[in-house]
Amino acid sequence: MTLKKLYLELTNKCNLNCSICYRRSWNEEPTDMSLELFNKIKKEIGGINSLKSIVLGGIGEPTCAPLIYEAIGALGHYHLTLTTNAMDMNDELLDLIVRRVNLVMVSIDGLHENFSKIRTANLDAVIENMNRINRLKENAAKSSPFVGIQFVLSRDNADDISRMIDLAADVKAHLLVLSNLLPQTKENAEKILYTRYENRHGKLLFDKALKYSFKKGIKLVLPNFELKTERRCSFVEDGAAFIDAWGEMVPCYRLSHTYKEYVFDREKTVIKNSFGSLHENHLISIWESSRYSHFRSVVRNNRYPSCIDCDYVEGCDLVKDTYYDCYTQSPSCADCLWARKYIICP
């Protein structure tokens, strides 16, 4: 499989402290990607003809990274996506984004009151920055960058969906992506809207949202609200890899850091899984290594168990972390909520 898409975590720092963020269960030192590492990545990907798309994102806020201007300027000839909370954007950064970025995905987890509760920040600043992007596009007679919105759905903000569709229309968003909450605490585990089996409430909620999005002319991307048979890893299927701020190549967002998550009320420790360090190896050699290739083959062909609907899950010690599954595969993707499309990556 060829490398087609690369996620770069320019920093794992953030200018917010959201109540639903992965970072709340971390024990890691915050860090920024070094210029030396970035230059090595830039040089090595220049020889990978299959690489077409780059995402500046990760778990941190990329606009906080010292390298944000360097990265956008240097990588704009790829299909470049920026995932951001859009809180702090000055004129220089906005101008660069409009000139070089293809898609800006803005995370908004509720309208004004809920946004303030979750993010302890002011939504008006985010809306203004999206409108500034639109004004700069119009002045430059450009159709890009497209603006998208990602909305993490829970019991706290479900009533905001229709108004979020209104907001998407107001800021001329290209699409609105709804993703479910992946809880990091016991308290948040009680706020999920998705279920393992029949979910009539979820069906009614999403049917209503979908019909309203048609009316408003907004492309709406919906997660699953109940368990489906199909499993699909977008990272593997898209030929994507993730390089974190330390220079480790990891397979996806989920396995990029060590943290706690709750899978249908079961506490689980997700263990960071690195296939190699760019400080010690070339990027393409890590990608083509036998261990990483085997992992992708296992996931792509669904040769791993499903803990979520297993009859023995309550008595199994293997589900407590992601080291191994009962097929002896490592790392374990058997509990992955992304693969079941409960959670959607930008």
Protein backbone atom coordinates (compact mmCIF):
# COMPACT_ATOMS: atom_id res chain seq x y z
CA MET A 1 0.00 0.00 0.00
CA THR A 2 1.33 3.44 -0.95
CA LEU A 3 1.41 6.46 1.36
CA LYS A 4 -1.23 8.89 0.11
CA LYS A 5 -2.04 11.07 3.10
CA LEU A 6 0.01 12.41 6.01
CA TYR A 7 -1.17 13.93 9.28
CA LEU A 8 1.36 16.26 10.92
CA GLU A 9 1.05 17.21 14.57
CA LEU A 10 2.99 20.48 14.66
CA THR A 11 2.27 20.77 18.37
CA ASN A 12 0.35 18.95 21.07
CA LYS A 13 -0.22 22.19 22.95
CA CYS A 14 -3.54 24.01 22.86
CA ASN A 15 -4.91 27.46 23.62
CA LEU A 16 -8.06 25.94 25.14
CA ASN A 17 -8.82 23.40 27.87
CA CYS A 18 -12.05 21.76 26.70
CA SER A 19 -13.97 19.57 29.12
CA ILE A 20 -14.24 16.73 26.57
CA CYS A 21 -10.62 16.73 25.31
CA TYR A 22 -8.25 13.74 25.20
CA ARG A 23 -5.56 15.88 26.77
CA ARG A 24 -7.36 15.81 30.12
CA SER A 25 -6.19 12.24 30.74
CA TRP A 26 -2.61 12.70 29.47
CA ASN A 27 0.59 12.53 31.47
CA GLU A 28 2.73 13.82 28.61
CA GLU A 29 4.91 16.90 28.44
CA PRO A 30 3.56 19.40 25.91
CA THR A 31 5.93 19.92 23.00
CA ASP A 32 6.27 21.58 19.60
CA MET A 33 7.68 19.92 16.50
CA SER A 34 11.24 21.15 15.93
CA LEU A 35 12.30 22.94 12.77
CA GLU A 36 14.98 20.29 12.23
CA LEU A 37 12.37 17.52 12.29
CA PHE A 38 9.99 19.45 10.04
CA ASN A 39 12.73 20.07 7.48
CA LYS A 40 13.57 16.34 7.48
CA ILE A 41 9.91 15.48 6.88
CA LYS A 42 9.62 18.08 4.13
CA LYS A 43 12.72 16.73 2.38
CA GLU A 44 11.68 13.09 2.61
CA ILE A 45 8.09 13.51 1.45
CA GLY A 46 9.37 15.38 -1.60
CA GLY A 47 10.37 12.02 -3.06
CA ILE A 48 7.03 10.28 -2.39
CA ASN A 49 5.01 10.73 -5.58
CA SER A 50 1.97 8.95 -4.17
CA LEU A 51 1.54 11.51 -1.37
CA LYS A 52 -1.21 13.93 -2.35
CA SER A 53 -2.81 15.14 0.87
CA ILE A 54 -1.50 16.60 4.14
CA VAL A 55 -3.48 17.43 7.27
CA LEU A 56 -2.08 19.89 9.79
CA GLY A 57 -3.81 18.72 12.93
CA GLY A 58 -3.43 16.17 15.66
CA ILE A 59 -4.62 16.53 19.23
CA GLY A 60 -3.02 19.95 19.74
CA GLU A 61 -4.04 23.24 18.12
CA PRO A 62 -1.84 23.76 15.03
CA THR A 63 -2.26 27.54 14.97
CA CYS A 64 -0.40 27.60 18.31
CA ALA A 65 2.65 25.95 16.76
CA PRO A 66 5.74 28.08 16.08
CA LEU A 67 5.99 26.28 12.70
CA ILE A 68 2.47 27.05 11.49
CA TYR A 69 3.55 29.73 8.98
CA GLU A 70 6.48 27.63 7.77
CA ALA A 71 4.29 24.54 7.35
CA ILE A 72 1.47 26.19 5.44
CA GLY A 73 3.90 28.04 3.21
CA ALA A 74 5.97 24.95 2.44
CA LEU A 75 3.17 22.42 1.98
CA GLY A 76 0.58 24.42 0.07
CA HIS A 77 1.24 22.51 -3.17
CA TYR A 78 -0.36 19.43 -1.55
CA HIS A 79 -4.07 19.18 -0.86
CA LEU A 80 -3.72 20.88 2.50
CA THR A 81 -6.23 20.63 5.34
CA LEU A 82 -6.01 22.65 8.54
CA THR A 83 -7.97 21.42 11.57
CA THR A 84 -8.40 24.21 14.08
CA ASN A 85 -10.53 25.73 16.82
CA ALA A 86 -10.14 29.06 14.92
CA MET A 87 -9.83 31.05 18.11
CA ASP A 88 -6.60 32.96 17.45
CA MET A 89 -6.00 33.98 13.85
CA ASN A 90 -4.26 37.21 12.93
CA ASP A 91 -4.34 38.91 9.53
CA GLU A 92 -1.04 37.39 8.41
CA LEU A 93 -2.16 33.84 9.21
CA LEU A 94 -5.57 34.30 7.61
CA ASP A 95 -3.99 35.66 4.43
CA LEU A 96 -1.64 32.67 4.27
CA ILE A 97 -4.50 30.22 4.88
CA VAL A 98 -6.54 31.69 2.04
CA ARG A 99 -3.56 31.52 -0.33
CA ARG A 100 -2.33 28.02 0.50
CA VAL A 101 -4.94 25.86 2.31
CA ASN A 102 -7.67 23.81 0.58
CA LEU A 103 -9.90 22.97 3.56
CA VAL A 104 -10.22 24.55 7.00
CA MET A 105 -12.04 22.25 9.44
CA VAL A 106 -13.25 24.22 12.46
CA SER A 107 -14.27 22.41 15.64
CA ILE A 108 -17.36 23.85 17.32
CA ASP A 109 -18.99 21.77 20.03
CA GLY A 110 -22.14 23.77 20.65
CA LEU A 111 -23.78 27.14 20.24
CA HIS A 112 -22.92 30.08 22.47
CA GLU A 113 -23.95 28.78 25.91
CA ASN A 114 -22.79 25.19 25.38
CA PHE A 115 -19.66 26.33 23.57
CA SER A 116 -18.76 28.47 26.57
CA LYS A 117 -19.37 25.59 29.01
CA ILE A 118 -17.31 23.09 27.03
CA ARG A 119 -14.51 25.37 25.85
CA THR A 120 -14.64 28.30 28.33
CA ALA A 121 -14.28 30.55 25.29
CA ASN A 122 -16.34 32.91 23.14
CA LEU A 123 -17.91 31.51 19.98
CA ASP A 124 -18.16 34.96 18.41
CA ALA A 125 -14.39 35.01 17.82
CA VAL A 126 -14.60 31.73 15.91
CA ILE A 127 -17.52 32.89 13.77
CA GLU A 128 -15.73 36.14 12.95
CA ASN A 129 -12.61 34.28 11.81
CA MET A 130 -14.68 32.05 9.51
CA ASN A 131 -16.35 35.15 8.08
CA ARG A 132 -12.94 36.79 7.61
CA ILE A 133 -11.81 33.78 5.58
CA ASN A 134 -14.89 34.16 3.39
CA ARG A 135 -14.26 37.88 2.87
CA LEU A 136 -10.63 37.28 1.92
CA LYS A 137 -11.71 34.58 -0.53
CA GLU A 138 -14.19 36.93 -2.15
CA ASN A 139 -11.63 39.71 -2.41
CA ALA A 140 -9.17 37.31 -4.04
CA ALA A 141 -11.88 35.79 -6.28
CA LYS A 142 -11.04 32.31 -4.94
CA SER A 143 -13.28 29.35 -4.25
CA SER A 144 -10.94 27.87 -1.62
CA PRO A 145 -10.25 27.25 1.11
CA PHE A 146 -13.51 25.50 1.81
CA VAL A 147 -14.69 25.87 5.39
CA GLY A 148 -16.04 22.86 7.26
CA ILE A 149 -17.36 22.49 10.80
CA GLN A 150 -16.89 19.50 13.09
CA PHE A 151 -19.38 19.09 15.94
CA VAL A 152 -18.84 16.56 18.75
CA LEU A 153 -22.26 15.39 19.84
CA SER A 154 -23.40 14.51 23.37
CA ARG A 155 -26.42 14.84 25.62
CA ASP A 156 -25.16 18.31 26.59
CA ASN A 157 -25.46 19.80 23.10
CA ALA A 158 -27.87 17.62 21.10
CA ASP A 159 -30.46 20.40 21.11
CA ASP A 160 -28.01 22.61 19.20
CA ILE A 161 -27.95 20.51 16.02
CA SER A 162 -30.54 22.49 14.05
CA ARG A 163 -29.01 25.81 15.05
CA MET A 164 -25.58 24.43 14.16
CA ILE A 165 -26.89 23.70 10.67
CA ASP A 166 -28.13 27.32 10.56
CA LEU A 167 -24.67 28.51 11.58
CA ALA A 168 -23.04 26.35 8.91
CA ALA A 169 -25.29 27.97 6.31
CA ASP A 170 -24.57 31.46 7.66
CA VAL A 171 -20.79 31.03 7.39
CA LYS A 172 -21.08 29.31 3.99
CA ALA A 173 -19.63 26.06 5.26
CA HIS A 174 -18.80 23.37 2.72
CA LEU A 175 -19.91 20.64 5.11
CA LEU A 176 -20.89 19.91 8.69
CA VAL A 177 -19.47 16.75 10.28
CA LEU A 178 -21.20 15.33 13.33
CA SER A 179 -19.07 13.01 15.44
CA ASN A 180 -19.98 11.32 18.70
CA LEU A 181 -18.29 11.97 22.01
CA LEU A 182 -15.46 9.63 23.01
CA PRO A 183 -15.53 9.96 26.82
CA GLN A 184 -12.34 10.43 28.82
CA THR A 185 -14.10 10.46 32.20
CA LYS A 186 -16.80 8.44 33.93
CA GLU A 187 -18.98 11.55 34.03
CA ASN A 188 -18.77 12.07 30.26
CA ALA A 189 -19.39 8.36 29.65
CA GLU A 190 -22.95 8.97 30.79
CA LYS A 191 -23.47 11.66 28.13
CA ILE A 192 -23.12 9.59 24.95
CA LEU A 193 -26.08 9.34 22.57
CA TYR A 194 -24.99 6.20 20.69
CA THR A 195 -25.81 2.64 21.70
CA ARG A 196 -24.72 -0.87 20.85
CA TYR A 197 -28.12 -2.01 19.64
CA GLU A 198 -31.41 -0.48 18.49
CA ASN A 199 -31.47 3.28 18.97
CA ARG A 200 -34.79 4.79 17.97
CA HIS A 201 -33.97 8.13 19.57
CA GLY A 202 -30.77 8.41 17.53
CA LYS A 203 -32.58 7.53 14.31
CA LEU A 204 -35.23 10.20 14.89
CA LEU A 205 -32.61 12.78 15.84
CA PHE A 206 -30.48 12.15 12.76
CA ASP A 207 -33.42 11.87 10.38
CA LYS A 208 -34.61 15.27 11.52
CA ALA A 209 -31.11 16.74 11.17
CA LEU A 210 -30.64 15.28 7.70
CA LYS A 211 -33.95 16.65 6.41
CA TYR A 212 -33.17 20.08 7.82
CA SER A 213 -29.69 20.07 6.28
CA PHE A 214 -31.26 19.39 2.85
CA LYS A 215 -33.52 22.36 3.37
CA LYS A 216 -30.60 24.62 4.28
CA GLY A 217 -28.33 23.30 1.51
CA ILE A 218 -25.67 21.94 3.89
CA LYS A 219 -23.76 18.72 3.31
CA LEU A 220 -24.18 16.81 6.57
CA VAL A 221 -21.87 13.91 7.50
CA LEU A 222 -23.39 11.70 10.19
CA PRO A 223 -21.85 9.06 12.48
CA ASN A 224 -23.50 5.79 13.40
CA PHE A 225 -25.86 5.94 16.36
CA GLU A 226 -26.04 2.15 16.84
CA LEU A 227 -23.72 -0.78 16.13
CA LYS A 228 -23.31 -1.77 12.49
CA THR A 229 -21.57 -4.84 11.10
CA GLU A 230 -19.18 -2.95 8.84
CA ARG A 231 -15.78 -1.92 10.18
CA ARG A 232 -13.62 0.51 8.26
CA CYS A 233 -10.48 2.35 9.33
CA SER A 234 -10.28 5.60 7.37
CA PHE A 235 -6.55 5.92 8.12
CA VAL A 236 -5.72 2.51 6.66
CA GLU A 237 -8.20 2.74 3.78
CA ASP A 238 -6.91 6.21 2.82
CA GLY A 239 -3.25 5.18 2.96
CA ALA A 240 -2.61 7.62 5.80
CA ALA A 241 -0.03 7.92 8.55
CA PHE A 242 0.37 10.30 11.47
CA ILE A 243 3.62 11.93 12.63
CA ASP A 244 3.39 13.34 16.13
CA ALA A 245 5.20 16.36 17.54
CA TRP A 246 8.07 14.16 18.79
CA GLY A 247 8.65 12.65 15.36
CA GLU A 248 7.06 9.25 16.01
CA MET A 249 5.06 7.64 13.20
CA VAL A 250 1.78 6.33 14.60
CA PRO A 251 -1.14 4.79 12.70
CA CYS A 252 -3.98 7.11 13.69
CA TYR A 253 -5.36 9.72 16.09
CA ARG A 254 -6.51 7.09 18.57
CA LEU A 255 -3.11 5.45 18.98
CA SER A 256 -1.09 8.68 18.88
CA HIS A 257 -1.10 9.27 22.65
CA THR A 258 -1.61 7.32 25.86
CA TYR A 259 -4.86 8.19 27.62
CA LYS A 260 -8.04 6.82 29.19
CA GLU A 261 -11.25 6.28 27.25
CA TYR A 262 -14.62 4.77 28.05
CA VAL A 263 -16.14 2.31 25.59
CA PHE A 264 -19.80 1.79 26.53
CA ASP A 265 -19.00 2.47 30.19
CA ARG A 266 -15.87 0.25 30.22
CA GLU A 267 -12.70 2.08 31.22
CA LYS A 268 -9.82 1.40 28.81
CA THR A 269 -6.22 2.56 28.63
CA VAL A 270 -5.22 3.42 25.07
CA ILE A 271 -1.47 2.95 24.66
CA LYS A 272 0.45 5.09 22.21
CA ASN A 273 1.80 2.89 19.41
CA SER A 274 4.81 4.05 17.43
CA PHE A 275 6.09 2.18 14.38
CA GLY A 276 9.33 4.15 14.42
CA SER A 277 11.01 7.48 15.06
CA LEU A 278 11.96 9.84 12.26
CA HIS A 279 14.97 10.81 14.34
CA GLU A 280 16.33 7.31 13.69
CA ASN A 281 14.74 6.19 10.40
CA HIS A 282 13.53 7.50 7.08
CA LEU A 283 9.80 8.15 6.80
CA ILE A 284 9.20 5.77 3.91
CA SER A 285 11.24 2.98 5.53
CA ILE A 286 8.97 3.13 8.60
CA TRP A 287 5.87 3.12 6.39
CA GLU A 288 7.13 0.10 4.42
CA SER A 289 8.43 -1.82 7.46
CA SER A 290 7.12 -5.35 7.91
CA ARG A 291 5.46 -4.57 11.24
CA TYR A 292 3.56 -1.53 9.95
CA SER A 293 2.62 -3.30 6.70
CA HIS A 294 1.32 -6.28 8.67
CA PHE A 295 -0.75 -4.00 10.90
CA ARG A 296 -2.38 -2.32 7.91
CA SER A 297 -3.11 -5.69 6.30
CA VAL A 298 -4.78 -6.98 9.48
CA VAL A 299 -6.98 -3.90 9.83
CA ARG A 300 -7.82 -3.58 6.14
CA ASN A 301 -8.92 -7.21 5.96
CA ASN A 302 -10.77 -7.13 9.29
CA ARG A 303 -8.64 -9.92 10.77
CA TYR A 304 -9.14 -8.76 14.33
CA PRO A 305 -11.86 -9.38 16.95
CA SER A 306 -14.77 -7.16 17.92
CA CYS A 307 -14.86 -6.50 21.66
CA ILE A 308 -17.93 -4.27 21.53
CA ASP A 309 -20.35 -7.13 20.83
CA CYS A 310 -18.34 -10.02 22.28
CA ASP A 311 -20.16 -12.31 24.74
CA TYR A 312 -17.06 -12.55 26.96
CA VAL A 313 -16.15 -8.87 27.16
CA GLU A 314 -17.17 -8.39 30.80
CA GLY A 315 -14.73 -11.07 32.02
CA CYS A 316 -11.84 -10.34 29.67
CA ASP A 317 -8.66 -8.63 30.86
CA LEU A 318 -7.46 -7.90 27.32
CA VAL A 319 -10.09 -5.18 26.86
CA LYS A 320 -8.53 -3.08 29.62
CA ASP A 321 -5.89 -1.69 27.26
CA THR A 322 -4.75 -1.76 23.62
CA TYR A 323 -1.56 -3.83 24.00
CA TYR A 324 -2.97 -7.05 22.52
CA ASP A 325 -6.24 -8.58 21.40
CA CYS A 326 -7.31 -12.22 21.71
CA TYR A 327 -5.89 -12.93 18.23
CA THR A 328 -2.47 -11.85 19.64
CA GLN A 329 -2.43 -8.80 17.37
CA SER A 330 -0.68 -5.69 18.70
CA PRO A 331 -1.81 -2.98 18.94
CA SER A 332 -5.45 -3.91 19.41
CA CYS A 333 -8.12 -2.14 17.35
CA ALA A 334 -10.86 -4.46 18.58
CA ASP A 335 -12.62 -1.76 20.61
CA CYS A 336 -12.11 1.10 18.15
CA LEU A 337 -15.15 3.37 17.93
CA TRP A 338 -13.72 5.06 14.82
CA ALA A 339 -13.79 1.74 12.95
CA ARG A 340 -17.50 1.42 13.77
CA LYS A 341 -18.07 5.04 12.64
CA TYR A 342 -19.29 6.21 16.02
CA ILE A 343 -16.40 8.69 15.85
CA ILE A 344 -15.45 10.47 12.63
CA CYS A 345 -12.04 11.97 11.87
CA PRO A 346 -11.86 15.25 9.93
